[in-house]
Amino acid sequence: MRISRLGVLAVVAVMVSLGSGCSFYNRVMARKNLVDGAKAYKDRKFPEAEERFRYAASLDPEGETLEGRTAQLSLARTLHSEYIGNRSDKGKAQEAIDAYKVSLPQYLKDLKETEAAYNANPASADAQRMYLNSLSSVNSTSSAIASLYDNIQMPDKATAWLEQVAKDQAYPPTARARALSALAAKQNTCASEISDTPETKKTVAAGDGKQAYQYVKPADAAQFAKLQQCTTDGMALIDQAMALEPDSVKKSGSLNPDTMSDVELALASEVLKIFQSVRSYKASLINQQARIAEMNGDNSGRDKFKADYETAKGAMNQLGDVVQKIDDAVQARAAAKEAAEAANAANANGSANANK
């Protein structure tokens, strides 16, 4: 998982803007170190950032305050970035994992509170920002842990972690769906490594000078059994993820990005992109089922799965169109803001020159 510098800076910015109820001294010291740490992080001075965030986190080790939670998560992300800068340092990756695992219970508690406040007053900009911050923190953190385990060649631990998240109802549907999708992706890869090879995927003439693919069983019966098992397991996982899809996703076609605030766009994107991935793997695994049916000589079954695949792909593309509209709106607003700032700067320079 790639860690963006903006991830740490955004979390710190939200924390500073919203305030907290910690003691005056700890509040001042934590904020000072968070701001200094964020600057060091932005400048890629990761050891300094780590020191600042570690100290800020020590002022509230239980994460009772927003400052403490922000510091712990920022520390984890900094350690993650340090590992990315030197992937041979697996010890740093393990430190990042451990720091993320300290952060998660803090943000799960925070999410419960901010979600309740958001549900009570969904039109409140502050409630939206706080809910988005805690939701995205839980989603990204739970995913980052699995990614780090994979990066340091501990796939069994990555799988065990994803299974733990998927089953734990303390996690939001988005985090659980993302975990299930990641597990299903592993099964889809397992299936593709068998079904998408020169041995099983033959090019044949389809008439009118066109070509098509014909799928045949692998010579090794054990490999065909593995293909079937991976596909079955993957579909079971993706069905669980689909069952978590909220009404906001199902009804997302009615969203109008032009009428949404920046934070509303960010919140919608946070949720929709996860289920866009879920729908993508659903389509891919149905395609594996079509290949297996063809390998078994079951043409009617193949045709049914192909029809199901087109339906699933349509649902995926429909959601993808909504996500693209949101992304376009975000980019357009950023460009407009940049243009306005440039115009204001030019006007200011013009006025200054005219007064000389």
Protein backbone atom coordinates (compact mmCIF):
# COMPACT_ATOMS: atom_id res chain seq x y z
CA MET A 1 0.00 0.00 0.00
CA ARG A 2 1.45 3.34 -1.02
CA ILE A 3 1.43 5.96 1.73
CA SER A 4 0.81 9.48 0.48
CA ARG A 5 2.32 12.42 2.33
CA LEU A 6 -1.07 14.07 2.05
CA GLY A 7 -2.52 11.27 4.21
CA VAL A 8 -0.57 12.35 7.27
CA LEU A 9 -0.98 16.06 6.56
CA ALA A 10 -4.74 15.75 6.08
CA VAL A 11 -5.22 13.92 9.37
CA VAL A 12 -3.19 16.55 11.22
CA ALA A 13 -5.11 19.37 9.52
CA VAL A 14 -8.47 17.89 10.54
CA MET A 15 -7.28 17.44 14.12
CA VAL A 16 -6.05 21.03 14.40
CA SER A 17 -9.30 22.44 13.01
CA LEU A 18 -11.62 20.47 15.31
CA GLY A 19 -9.98 20.74 18.72
CA SER A 20 -10.18 18.35 21.68
CA GLY A 21 -10.65 18.16 25.40
CA CYS A 22 -7.22 17.16 26.69
CA SER A 23 -5.34 19.08 29.37
CA PHE A 24 -4.08 22.50 28.33
CA TYR A 25 -0.38 21.62 28.51
CA ASN A 26 -0.67 18.30 26.70
CA ARG A 27 -2.93 19.89 24.14
CA VAL A 28 -0.40 22.60 23.36
CA MET A 29 2.57 20.23 23.28
CA ALA A 30 0.79 17.57 21.25
CA ARG A 31 -0.36 20.08 18.66
CA LYS A 32 3.06 21.67 18.41
CA ASN A 33 4.70 18.30 17.81
CA LEU A 34 1.98 17.26 15.38
CA VAL A 35 2.43 20.40 13.32
CA ASP A 36 6.24 20.12 13.42
CA GLY A 37 6.02 16.42 12.61
CA ALA A 38 3.72 17.08 9.66
CA LYS A 39 6.18 19.63 8.28
CA ALA A 40 9.07 17.19 8.69
CA TYR A 41 7.01 14.50 7.00
CA LYS A 42 6.19 16.81 4.10
CA ASP A 43 9.91 17.55 3.73
CA ARG A 44 10.61 13.78 3.80
CA LYS A 45 12.57 14.10 7.04
CA PHE A 46 11.02 10.91 8.32
CA PRO A 47 13.28 10.27 11.36
CA GLU A 48 12.43 13.76 12.67
CA ALA A 49 8.75 13.23 11.92
CA GLU A 50 8.85 9.88 13.71
CA GLU A 51 10.39 11.50 16.79
CA ARG A 52 7.78 14.28 16.85
CA PHE A 53 4.82 11.95 16.36
CA ARG A 54 6.14 9.44 18.88
CA TYR A 55 6.41 12.14 21.54
CA ALA A 56 2.93 13.49 20.76
CA ALA A 57 1.51 9.96 21.00
CA SER A 58 3.21 9.44 24.37
CA LEU A 59 1.21 12.33 25.80
CA ASP A 60 -1.97 10.28 25.29
CA PRO A 61 -1.03 6.59 24.90
CA GLU A 62 -4.66 5.45 25.19
CA GLY A 63 -5.82 7.71 22.38
CA GLU A 64 -8.50 9.34 24.48
CA THR A 65 -8.09 12.61 22.60
CA LEU A 66 -8.07 13.49 18.93
CA GLU A 67 -4.47 14.66 19.34
CA GLY A 68 -3.44 11.27 20.71
CA ARG A 69 -5.22 9.32 17.99
CA THR A 70 -3.81 11.55 15.28
CA ALA A 71 -0.29 11.22 16.67
CA GLN A 72 -0.47 7.42 16.84
CA LEU A 73 -1.77 7.06 13.29
CA SER A 74 0.73 9.62 11.98
CA LEU A 75 3.52 7.67 13.69
CA ALA A 76 2.37 4.45 12.02
CA ARG A 77 2.22 6.10 8.60
CA THR A 78 5.65 7.61 9.07
CA LEU A 79 7.13 4.22 9.98
CA HIS A 80 5.37 2.79 6.91
CA SER A 81 6.94 5.48 4.72
CA GLU A 82 10.37 4.78 6.23
CA TYR A 83 9.95 1.11 5.30
CA ILE A 84 8.92 2.03 1.75
CA GLY A 85 12.12 4.06 1.50
CA ASN A 86 14.15 1.02 2.52
CA ARG A 87 12.29 -2.22 1.85
CA SER A 88 15.14 -4.30 3.20
CA ASP A 89 14.34 -2.98 6.69
CA LYS A 90 11.64 -5.47 7.65
CA GLY A 91 11.99 -4.43 11.27
CA LYS A 92 10.64 -1.02 10.34
CA ALA A 93 7.69 -2.67 8.62
CA GLN A 94 6.93 -4.64 11.77
CA GLU A 95 7.14 -1.42 13.80
CA ALA A 96 4.60 0.12 11.44
CA ILE A 97 2.31 -2.87 11.82
CA ASP A 98 2.54 -2.68 15.60
CA ALA A 99 1.86 1.07 15.55
CA TYR A 100 -1.14 0.60 13.26
CA LYS A 101 -2.52 -2.05 15.60
CA VAL A 102 -2.30 0.38 18.51
CA SER A 103 -4.08 3.02 16.43
CA LEU A 104 -6.97 0.84 15.26
CA PRO A 105 -8.85 0.36 18.57
CA GLN A 106 -8.55 4.10 19.15
CA TYR A 107 -10.12 4.93 15.80
CA LEU A 108 -12.75 2.22 16.05
CA LYS A 109 -13.95 3.86 19.25
CA ASP A 110 -13.75 7.26 17.60
CA LEU A 111 -15.69 5.97 14.58
CA LYS A 112 -18.53 4.77 16.76
CA GLU A 113 -18.87 8.22 18.26
CA THR A 114 -18.46 10.22 15.06
CA GLU A 115 -20.83 7.97 13.13
CA ALA A 116 -23.51 8.51 15.78
CA ALA A 117 -23.00 12.27 15.58
CA TYR A 118 -23.12 12.14 11.78
CA ASN A 119 -26.31 10.05 11.74
CA ALA A 120 -27.91 12.48 14.18
CA ASN A 121 -27.03 15.48 12.02
CA PRO A 122 -25.89 14.40 8.53
CA ALA A 123 -26.04 17.97 7.20
CA SER A 124 -23.44 19.23 9.69
CA ALA A 125 -20.13 19.95 7.96
CA ASP A 126 -18.20 19.30 11.19
CA ALA A 127 -19.98 15.98 11.74
CA GLN A 128 -19.24 14.99 8.14
CA ARG A 129 -15.54 15.86 8.47
CA MET A 130 -15.11 14.01 11.75
CA TYR A 131 -16.93 10.93 10.46
CA LEU A 132 -14.92 10.93 7.23
CA ASN A 133 -11.67 11.25 9.13
CA SER A 134 -12.37 8.32 11.45
CA LEU A 135 -13.89 6.14 8.70
CA SER A 136 -11.01 6.65 6.27
CA SER A 137 -8.51 6.10 9.09
CA VAL A 138 -10.03 2.70 9.96
CA ASN A 139 -10.34 1.68 6.30
CA SER A 140 -6.79 2.63 5.36
CA THR A 141 -5.19 1.31 8.54
CA SER A 142 -6.80 -2.13 8.40
CA SER A 143 -5.76 -2.39 4.75
CA ALA A 144 -2.21 -1.15 5.40
CA ILE A 145 -1.53 -3.89 7.93
CA ALA A 146 -2.38 -6.63 5.43
CA SER A 147 -0.32 -4.88 2.77
CA LEU A 148 2.73 -4.72 5.02
CA TYR A 149 2.46 -8.40 5.89
CA ASP A 150 2.41 -9.19 2.17
CA ASN A 151 5.36 -6.89 1.55
CA ILE A 152 7.53 -8.68 4.10
CA GLN A 153 6.56 -12.08 2.68
CA MET A 154 4.15 -13.12 5.42
CA PRO A 155 1.11 -14.02 3.30
CA ASP A 156 -0.38 -16.29 5.95
CA LYS A 157 -0.40 -13.44 8.46
CA ALA A 158 -1.87 -11.12 5.83
CA THR A 159 -4.68 -13.59 5.17
CA ALA A 160 -5.28 -14.18 8.89
CA TRP A 161 -5.48 -10.42 9.46
CA LEU A 162 -7.94 -9.90 6.60
CA GLU A 163 -10.09 -12.76 7.89
CA GLN A 164 -10.08 -11.21 11.37
CA VAL A 165 -11.24 -7.84 10.02
CA ALA A 166 -13.85 -9.42 7.76
CA LYS A 167 -15.46 -11.28 10.67
CA ASP A 168 -15.29 -8.51 13.27
CA GLN A 169 -18.51 -6.50 13.33
CA ALA A 170 -16.75 -3.76 15.27
CA TYR A 171 -15.30 -2.74 11.92
CA PRO A 172 -17.45 -0.69 9.51
CA PRO A 173 -18.94 -2.41 6.44
CA THR A 174 -16.41 -0.60 4.26
CA ALA A 175 -13.39 -2.06 6.08
CA ARG A 176 -14.96 -5.53 6.19
CA ALA A 177 -15.90 -5.37 2.50
CA ARG A 178 -12.39 -4.24 1.61
CA ALA A 179 -10.93 -7.16 3.57
CA LEU A 180 -13.30 -9.64 1.90
CA SER A 181 -12.49 -8.16 -1.48
CA ALA A 182 -8.76 -8.54 -0.83
CA LEU A 183 -9.28 -12.19 0.16
CA ALA A 184 -11.41 -12.76 -2.94
CA ALA A 185 -8.70 -11.14 -5.06
CA LYS A 186 -6.23 -13.75 -3.84
CA GLN A 187 -8.63 -16.51 -4.90
CA ASN A 188 -9.22 -14.84 -8.26
CA THR A 189 -5.47 -14.69 -8.83
CA CYS A 190 -5.23 -18.37 -7.89
CA ALA A 191 -7.90 -19.20 -10.48
CA SER A 192 -6.39 -17.00 -13.21
CA GLU A 193 -2.97 -18.60 -12.79
CA ILE A 194 -4.61 -21.84 -13.93
CA SER A 195 -7.32 -20.73 -16.37
CA ASP A 196 -5.37 -17.99 -18.15
CA THR A 197 -2.42 -19.98 -19.51
CA PRO A 198 -1.47 -21.20 -23.01
CA GLU A 199 -2.40 -24.71 -21.87
CA THR A 200 -5.97 -23.82 -20.99
CA LYS A 201 -6.69 -20.73 -23.11
CA LYS A 202 -6.66 -21.61 -26.81
CA THR A 203 -7.09 -19.17 -29.69
CA VAL A 204 -9.62 -20.46 -32.24
CA ALA A 205 -11.28 -19.11 -35.39
CA ALA A 206 -14.68 -17.53 -34.70
CA GLY A 207 -15.75 -16.79 -38.28
CA ASP A 208 -15.54 -13.63 -40.38
CA GLY A 209 -11.80 -13.69 -39.89
CA LYS A 210 -12.18 -13.09 -36.15
CA GLN A 211 -10.63 -15.05 -33.33
CA ALA A 212 -11.92 -16.11 -29.95
CA TYR A 213 -10.72 -17.99 -26.91
CA GLN A 214 -11.66 -21.55 -26.05
CA TYR A 215 -11.02 -22.85 -22.56
CA VAL A 216 -9.94 -26.43 -21.99
CA LYS A 217 -9.16 -28.36 -18.84
CA PRO A 218 -5.55 -28.44 -17.65
CA ALA A 219 -3.93 -31.82 -18.13
CA ASP A 220 -3.35 -32.11 -14.39
CA ALA A 221 -6.65 -33.01 -12.68
CA ALA A 222 -5.34 -31.56 -9.41
CA GLN A 223 -4.91 -28.19 -11.11
CA PHE A 224 -8.50 -28.27 -12.38
CA ALA A 225 -9.74 -29.13 -8.88
CA LYS A 226 -7.72 -26.22 -7.52
CA LEU A 227 -9.22 -23.88 -10.14
CA GLN A 228 -12.71 -24.92 -9.09
CA GLN A 229 -11.95 -24.56 -5.37
CA CYS A 230 -10.34 -21.13 -5.73
CA THR A 231 -13.30 -19.90 -7.76
CA THR A 232 -15.84 -21.31 -5.31
CA ASP A 233 -14.03 -19.83 -2.32
CA GLY A 234 -13.62 -16.49 -4.08
CA MET A 235 -17.32 -16.28 -4.92
CA ALA A 236 -18.29 -17.08 -1.34
CA LEU A 237 -16.08 -14.24 -0.12
CA ILE A 238 -17.31 -11.73 -2.69
CA ASP A 239 -20.93 -12.61 -1.96
CA GLN A 240 -20.28 -11.74 1.69
CA ALA A 241 -18.79 -8.42 0.58
CA MET A 242 -21.75 -7.69 -1.70
CA ALA A 243 -24.11 -8.32 1.22
CA LEU A 244 -22.43 -5.41 3.02
CA GLU A 245 -23.15 -2.93 0.21
CA PRO A 246 -25.18 -0.07 1.73
CA ASP A 247 -28.15 1.69 0.18
CA SER A 248 -25.97 4.73 -0.46
CA VAL A 249 -24.03 2.64 -2.96
CA LYS A 250 -27.07 0.99 -4.51
CA LYS A 251 -28.69 4.41 -5.01
CA SER A 252 -25.50 6.24 -5.97
CA GLY A 253 -26.74 6.81 -9.52
CA SER A 254 -28.90 9.65 -8.20
CA LEU A 255 -25.91 11.58 -6.80
CA ASN A 256 -25.24 14.99 -8.31
CA PRO A 257 -21.62 16.00 -7.59
CA ASP A 258 -22.34 19.61 -8.54
CA THR A 259 -24.64 20.00 -5.53
CA MET A 260 -22.32 18.28 -3.06
CA SER A 261 -19.80 19.93 -0.77
CA ASP A 262 -16.13 18.96 -0.88
CA VAL A 263 -16.42 16.83 2.24
CA GLU A 264 -19.58 15.14 0.90
CA LEU A 265 -17.70 14.26 -2.28
CA ALA A 266 -14.81 12.84 -0.25
CA LEU A 267 -17.14 10.78 1.95
CA ALA A 268 -19.02 9.38 -1.06
CA SER A 269 -15.74 8.53 -2.79
CA GLU A 270 -14.42 6.76 0.33
CA VAL A 271 -17.37 4.37 0.29
CA LEU A 272 -18.05 3.99 -3.43
CA LYS A 273 -14.51 3.11 -4.45
CA ILE A 274 -14.44 0.18 -2.05
CA PHE A 275 -17.61 -1.32 -3.47
CA GLN A 276 -16.47 -0.58 -7.00
CA SER A 277 -13.60 -2.96 -6.29
CA VAL A 278 -16.01 -5.50 -4.80
CA ARG A 279 -18.18 -5.40 -7.92
CA SER A 280 -15.08 -5.74 -10.10
CA TYR A 281 -14.01 -8.97 -8.41
CA LYS A 282 -17.56 -10.29 -8.57
CA ALA A 283 -17.47 -9.90 -12.35
CA SER A 284 -14.02 -11.50 -12.56
CA LEU A 285 -15.03 -14.53 -10.52
CA ILE A 286 -18.21 -15.04 -12.53
CA ASN A 287 -15.96 -15.06 -15.60
CA GLN A 288 -13.94 -17.83 -13.95
CA GLN A 289 -17.16 -19.78 -13.50
CA ALA A 290 -17.89 -19.40 -17.21
CA ARG A 291 -14.44 -20.74 -18.05
CA ILE A 292 -14.91 -23.75 -15.77
CA ALA A 293 -18.29 -24.52 -17.34
CA GLU A 294 -16.72 -24.42 -20.80
CA MET A 295 -13.90 -26.68 -19.67
CA ASN A 296 -16.55 -29.15 -18.49
CA GLY A 297 -18.32 -29.01 -21.86
CA ASP A 298 -21.34 -27.35 -20.22
CA ASN A 299 -22.20 -24.83 -22.91
CA SER A 300 -25.55 -23.83 -21.42
CA GLY A 301 -23.89 -23.22 -18.06
CA ARG A 302 -21.16 -21.24 -19.80
CA ASP A 303 -23.72 -19.07 -21.58
CA LYS A 304 -25.60 -18.42 -18.33
CA PHE A 305 -22.42 -17.38 -16.54
CA LYS A 306 -21.47 -15.16 -19.48
CA ALA A 307 -24.83 -13.41 -19.20
CA ASP A 308 -24.31 -13.05 -15.44
CA TYR A 309 -20.85 -11.67 -16.14
CA GLU A 310 -22.24 -8.97 -18.45
CA THR A 311 -24.77 -8.01 -15.77
CA ALA A 312 -22.07 -7.84 -13.11
CA LYS A 313 -19.78 -5.87 -15.39
CA GLY A 314 -22.60 -3.42 -16.10
CA ALA A 315 -23.14 -2.89 -12.36
CA MET A 316 -19.41 -2.35 -11.91
CA ASN A 317 -19.26 0.15 -14.78
CA GLN A 318 -22.33 1.98 -13.50
CA LEU A 319 -20.68 2.54 -10.15
CA GLY A 320 -17.43 3.41 -11.89
CA ASP A 321 -19.21 6.16 -13.82
CA VAL A 322 -20.42 7.71 -10.57
CA VAL A 323 -16.92 7.53 -9.08
CA GLN A 324 -15.51 9.17 -12.21
CA LYS A 325 -18.04 12.01 -11.99
CA ILE A 326 -17.00 12.59 -8.39
CA ASP A 327 -13.30 12.54 -9.31
CA ASP A 328 -13.96 14.96 -12.18
CA ALA A 329 -15.79 17.32 -9.84
CA VAL A 330 -12.97 17.21 -7.30
CA GLN A 331 -10.35 17.91 -9.97
CA ALA A 332 -12.40 20.71 -11.50
CA ARG A 333 -12.78 22.41 -8.12
CA ALA A 334 -9.06 22.06 -7.42
CA ALA A 335 -8.24 23.58 -10.82
CA ALA A 336 -10.69 26.43 -10.25
CA LYS A 337 -9.20 27.12 -6.82
CA GLU A 338 -5.68 27.11 -8.24
CA ALA A 339 -6.71 29.46 -11.04
CA ALA A 340 -8.41 31.82 -8.56
CA GLU A 341 -5.33 31.87 -6.32
CA ALA A 342 -3.11 32.60 -9.32
CA ALA A 343 -5.41 35.42 -10.42
CA ASN A 344 -5.45 36.90 -6.91
CA ALA A 345 -1.66 36.73 -6.75
CA ALA A 346 -1.38 38.42 -10.14
CA ASN A 347 -3.79 41.14 -9.06
CA ALA A 348 -1.87 41.68 -5.83
CA ASN A 349 1.42 41.96 -7.72
CA GLY A 350 -0.17 44.38 -10.16
CA SER A 351 -1.46 46.56 -7.36
CA ALA A 352 1.91 46.51 -5.61
CA ASN A 353 3.72 47.57 -8.81
CA ALA A 354 1.18 50.31 -9.48
CA ASN A 355 1.78 51.77 -6.00
CA LYS A 356 5.54 51.96 -6.42
